[in-house]
Amino acid sequence: MADAAEDERWLVIDGRRWRRTDPSLPEDLVAALTSHLGRGRSGVRSAKRDGDADAVAAARARVNLAKHGLGERGPYWWDEPEADRLRRAREALRDLDALDD
């Protein structure tokens, strides 16, 4: 049986383990990063449908950056100091927001 720390770190869907969002991140920051994640995923679908390889790559880059900011990719968030995790999330959001400029 998984312990509480494992339950906080991983989400299992259909036998596949996915890293959870860093629970220490402020709610508003998670919401903003999640919004970018959704827009990126939608962009991937649209670009694939349109056969636009460059747009697929750009949308996947948005997804990747958002997932890094959320702690779902990159270094394990539970192995890093909270201040570093917060800094990474804020930098990811800044970079994502810059994509819209």
Protein backbone atom coordinates (compact mmCIF):
# COMPACT_ATOMS: atom_id res chain seq x y z
CA MET A 1 0.00 0.00 0.00
CA ALA A 2 1.32 3.47 -0.91
CA ASP A 3 2.22 5.84 1.87
CA ALA A 4 0.92 9.41 2.17
CA ALA A 5 4.04 10.90 0.55
CA GLU A 6 3.65 8.64 -2.49
CA ASP A 7 -0.05 9.52 -2.75
CA GLU A 8 0.86 13.23 -2.74
CA ARG A 9 3.48 12.77 -5.45
CA TRP A 10 1.82 10.48 -7.97
CA LEU A 11 -1.54 10.04 -9.66
CA VAL A 12 -2.27 6.63 -11.19
CA ILE A 13 -4.66 6.45 -14.13
CA ASP A 14 -5.25 3.13 -15.92
CA GLY A 15 -2.10 1.74 -14.30
CA ARG A 16 0.07 4.60 -15.54
CA ARG A 17 1.77 6.83 -12.99
CA TRP A 18 1.72 10.60 -13.53
CA ARG A 19 3.51 13.17 -11.41
CA ARG A 20 1.15 15.47 -9.54
CA THR A 21 1.34 19.25 -9.53
CA ASP A 22 3.54 20.67 -6.78
CA PRO A 23 1.13 21.19 -3.85
CA SER A 24 3.18 24.05 -2.41
CA LEU A 25 2.47 26.38 -5.35
CA PRO A 26 -0.04 29.18 -4.74
CA GLU A 27 -3.49 28.58 -6.19
CA ASP A 28 -3.39 31.59 -8.52
CA LEU A 29 -0.04 30.50 -9.97
CA VAL A 30 -1.33 26.96 -10.55
CA ALA A 31 -4.45 28.37 -12.23
CA ALA A 32 -2.40 30.54 -14.59
CA LEU A 33 -0.02 27.70 -15.49
CA THR A 34 -2.95 25.30 -15.95
CA SER A 35 -4.59 27.78 -18.31
CA HIS A 36 -1.45 27.83 -20.45
CA LEU A 37 -1.33 24.02 -20.29
CA GLY A 38 -4.88 23.78 -21.60
CA ARG A 39 -4.20 26.28 -24.36
CA GLY A 40 -1.10 24.35 -25.33
CA ARG A 41 -2.95 21.04 -25.47
CA SER A 42 -5.71 22.61 -27.54
CA GLY A 43 -3.08 24.08 -29.83
CA VAL A 44 -1.49 20.67 -30.34
CA ARG A 45 -4.86 19.18 -31.34
CA SER A 46 -5.66 22.03 -33.74
CA ALA A 47 -2.20 22.08 -35.31
CA LYS A 48 -2.23 18.30 -35.81
CA ARG A 49 -5.66 18.52 -37.44
CA ASP A 50 -4.35 21.27 -39.74
CA GLY A 51 -1.13 19.37 -40.51
CA ASP A 52 1.01 22.30 -39.32
CA ALA A 53 4.22 20.78 -37.92
CA ASP A 54 5.64 24.14 -36.80
CA ALA A 55 2.48 24.96 -34.86
CA VAL A 56 2.51 21.48 -33.28
CA ALA A 57 6.08 22.07 -32.10
CA ALA A 58 5.21 25.51 -30.70
CA ALA A 59 2.15 24.17 -28.88
CA ARG A 60 4.14 21.26 -27.45
CA ALA A 61 6.75 23.72 -26.22
CA ARG A 62 3.97 25.60 -24.37
CA VAL A 63 2.73 22.35 -22.81
CA ASN A 64 6.26 21.41 -21.76
CA LEU A 65 6.96 24.79 -20.20
CA ALA A 66 3.66 24.75 -18.30
CA LYS A 67 4.27 21.22 -17.01
CA HIS A 68 7.76 22.20 -15.84
CA GLY A 69 6.29 25.20 -14.04
CA LEU A 70 3.70 22.98 -12.34
CA GLY A 71 6.43 20.56 -11.27
CA GLU A 72 5.00 17.76 -13.40
CA ARG A 73 8.22 17.54 -15.45
CA GLY A 74 11.85 18.23 -14.72
CA PRO A 75 13.41 17.68 -11.31
CA TYR A 76 11.19 16.00 -8.74
CA TRP A 77 9.59 18.86 -6.80
CA TRP A 78 9.81 16.95 -3.52
CA ASP A 79 13.62 16.87 -3.82
CA GLU A 80 13.96 20.66 -4.13
CA PRO A 81 13.60 23.51 -1.64
CA GLU A 82 10.20 25.19 -1.83
CA ALA A 83 11.77 28.55 -2.78
CA ASP A 84 13.41 26.99 -5.85
CA ARG A 85 10.13 25.37 -6.88
CA LEU A 86 8.28 28.66 -6.58
CA ARG A 87 10.98 30.49 -8.55
CA ARG A 88 10.80 27.89 -11.35
CA ALA A 89 7.01 28.15 -11.52
CA ARG A 90 7.09 31.96 -11.68
CA GLU A 91 9.79 31.90 -14.38
CA ALA A 92 7.75 29.43 -16.42
CA LEU A 93 4.68 31.64 -16.15
CA ARG A 94 6.69 34.70 -17.18
CA ASP A 95 8.02 32.82 -20.22
CA LEU A 96 4.55 31.52 -21.11
CA ASP A 97 3.01 34.98 -20.83
CA ALA A 98 5.76 36.29 -23.12
CA LEU A 99 4.63 33.85 -25.82
CA ASP A 100 1.40 35.84 -26.08
CA ASP A 101 3.13 39.19 -26.64
